[in-house]
Protein backbone atom coordinates (compact mmCIF):
# COMPACT_ATOMS: atom_id res chain seq x y z
CA MET A 1 -30.19 101.19 -54.75
CA ASN A 2 -27.11 103.27 -54.31
CA LEU A 3 -23.57 102.70 -53.85
CA SER A 4 -23.68 102.88 -50.18
CA ASN A 5 -26.22 100.58 -49.88
CA ILE A 6 -24.54 98.40 -51.94
CA ILE A 7 -21.46 98.27 -49.64
CA LYS A 8 -23.49 97.53 -46.43
CA ASN A 9 -25.13 94.82 -47.92
CA LYS A 10 -21.73 93.46 -48.45
CA LYS A 11 -20.59 94.66 -45.42
CA THR A 12 -23.24 92.18 -43.59
CA GLU A 13 -23.20 89.33 -45.94
CA ALA A 14 -19.54 89.31 -45.09
CA ILE A 15 -20.62 89.74 -41.32
CA GLN A 16 -23.42 86.87 -41.54
CA GLU A 17 -20.64 84.31 -42.84
CA ASN A 18 -18.46 84.67 -39.57
CA ILE A 19 -20.96 84.27 -37.00
CA ILE A 20 -20.95 81.44 -35.30
CA THR A 21 -24.28 80.27 -33.01
CA ILE A 22 -24.48 77.34 -30.33
CA GLN A 23 -27.73 75.65 -30.03
CA LEU A 24 -29.81 74.40 -26.98
CA THR A 25 -32.47 71.49 -28.32
CA LYS A 26 -34.03 69.23 -26.49
CA LEU A 27 -34.58 65.83 -27.37
CA ARG A 28 -35.70 63.22 -25.69
CA ASN A 29 -35.54 64.44 -22.56
CA LYS A 30 -31.53 64.93 -23.48
CA TYR A 31 -29.97 68.09 -24.21
CA ILE A 32 -27.75 68.85 -27.71
CA THR A 33 -26.02 71.55 -27.48
CA SER A 34 -24.53 72.75 -31.42
CA ILE A 35 -22.04 74.36 -32.75
CA GLU A 36 -22.89 76.09 -36.21
CA GLY A 37 -20.82 77.86 -38.01
CA ILE A 38 -17.39 76.98 -37.18
CA SER A 39 -15.77 75.36 -39.96
CA TYR A 40 -14.71 78.82 -41.35
CA LEU A 41 -12.26 79.35 -38.30
CA SER A 42 -10.17 76.72 -40.38
CA SER A 43 -9.65 75.53 -44.10
CA ASP A 44 -7.80 72.39 -42.62
CA THR A 45 -10.70 69.13 -43.40
CA ASP A 46 -9.75 67.95 -39.49
CA PHE A 47 -10.58 70.95 -37.71
CA LEU A 48 -13.81 69.79 -36.75
CA LYS A 49 -12.96 66.64 -35.63
CA ASN A 50 -10.09 67.16 -33.65
CA THR A 51 -11.97 70.62 -31.67
CA SER A 52 -14.89 68.09 -31.48
CA VAL A 53 -12.44 65.87 -29.72
CA LEU A 54 -11.51 68.26 -27.63
CA LEU A 55 -14.47 69.64 -26.30
CA LYS A 56 -15.29 65.94 -25.76
CA LYS A 57 -12.28 65.61 -23.54
CA GLN A 58 -13.09 68.84 -21.48
CA LEU A 59 -16.95 68.14 -21.16
CA CYS A 60 -16.75 64.63 -20.08
CA CYS A 61 -19.68 64.38 -22.95
CA GLY A 62 -20.53 62.51 -26.07
CA ALA A 63 -19.65 64.75 -29.10
CA SER A 64 -20.34 64.10 -32.95
CA ILE A 65 -20.52 66.41 -36.53
CA LYS A 66 -22.95 66.09 -38.45
CA ASN A 67 -23.23 68.52 -41.27
CA ASN A 68 -20.17 70.99 -39.91
CA ASN A 69 -21.92 71.56 -37.25
CA ILE A 70 -20.35 70.00 -33.56
CA GLU A 71 -23.09 68.36 -31.47
CA LEU A 72 -22.07 68.18 -27.39
CA GLN A 73 -24.63 65.74 -25.34
CA GLY A 74 -25.26 68.10 -23.11
CA ASP A 75 -26.12 72.21 -22.05
CA HIS A 76 -22.75 73.42 -22.83
CA ILE A 77 -23.36 76.41 -23.76
CA GLU A 78 -21.14 78.20 -21.55
CA ALA A 79 -18.68 76.19 -21.73
CA VAL A 80 -18.69 76.21 -25.60
CA LYS A 81 -18.50 79.96 -25.07
CA LYS A 82 -15.79 80.71 -23.57
CA TYR A 83 -13.76 78.30 -24.60
CA LEU A 84 -14.58 79.95 -28.12
CA ILE A 85 -13.10 83.35 -27.02
CA ASN A 86 -10.30 81.82 -24.76
CA GLU A 87 -8.71 78.89 -27.25
CA HIS A 88 -9.63 80.68 -30.89
CA LYS A 89 -9.76 84.22 -29.83
CA ILE A 90 -14.05 84.52 -31.67
CA ASP A 91 -15.74 88.43 -30.61
CA ILE A 92 -18.29 87.61 -28.73
CA LYS A 93 -20.38 90.15 -30.99
CA THR A 94 -19.97 86.92 -33.32
CA ILE A 95 -21.60 84.47 -30.44
CA ILE A 96 -25.29 84.33 -31.58
CA ILE A 97 -26.92 81.79 -28.16
CA LYS A 98 -30.38 80.07 -29.15
CA GLY A 99 -32.35 78.21 -26.58
CA LYS A 100 -31.75 79.78 -23.51
């Protein structure tokens, strides 16, 4: 493996660590919107809690934190995407949407 391949692999790994995935799943005839990878935005321990409370209030839905992921009750993919882009200045290229 030459040096340029090693550098490309390191860049790819760094980019993949900063990807946020928004996933829609159906559970017992209800939709769940999961936000994965958001914890890298802040090292603050209350960041996930504060973000979930804020989204819960904005979207009028239930929210919980499981395994460093935020789960929202209902289909809120577009609203979460807009929130991340506007409030946290996330590049749209680093957001992956699954399940829709």
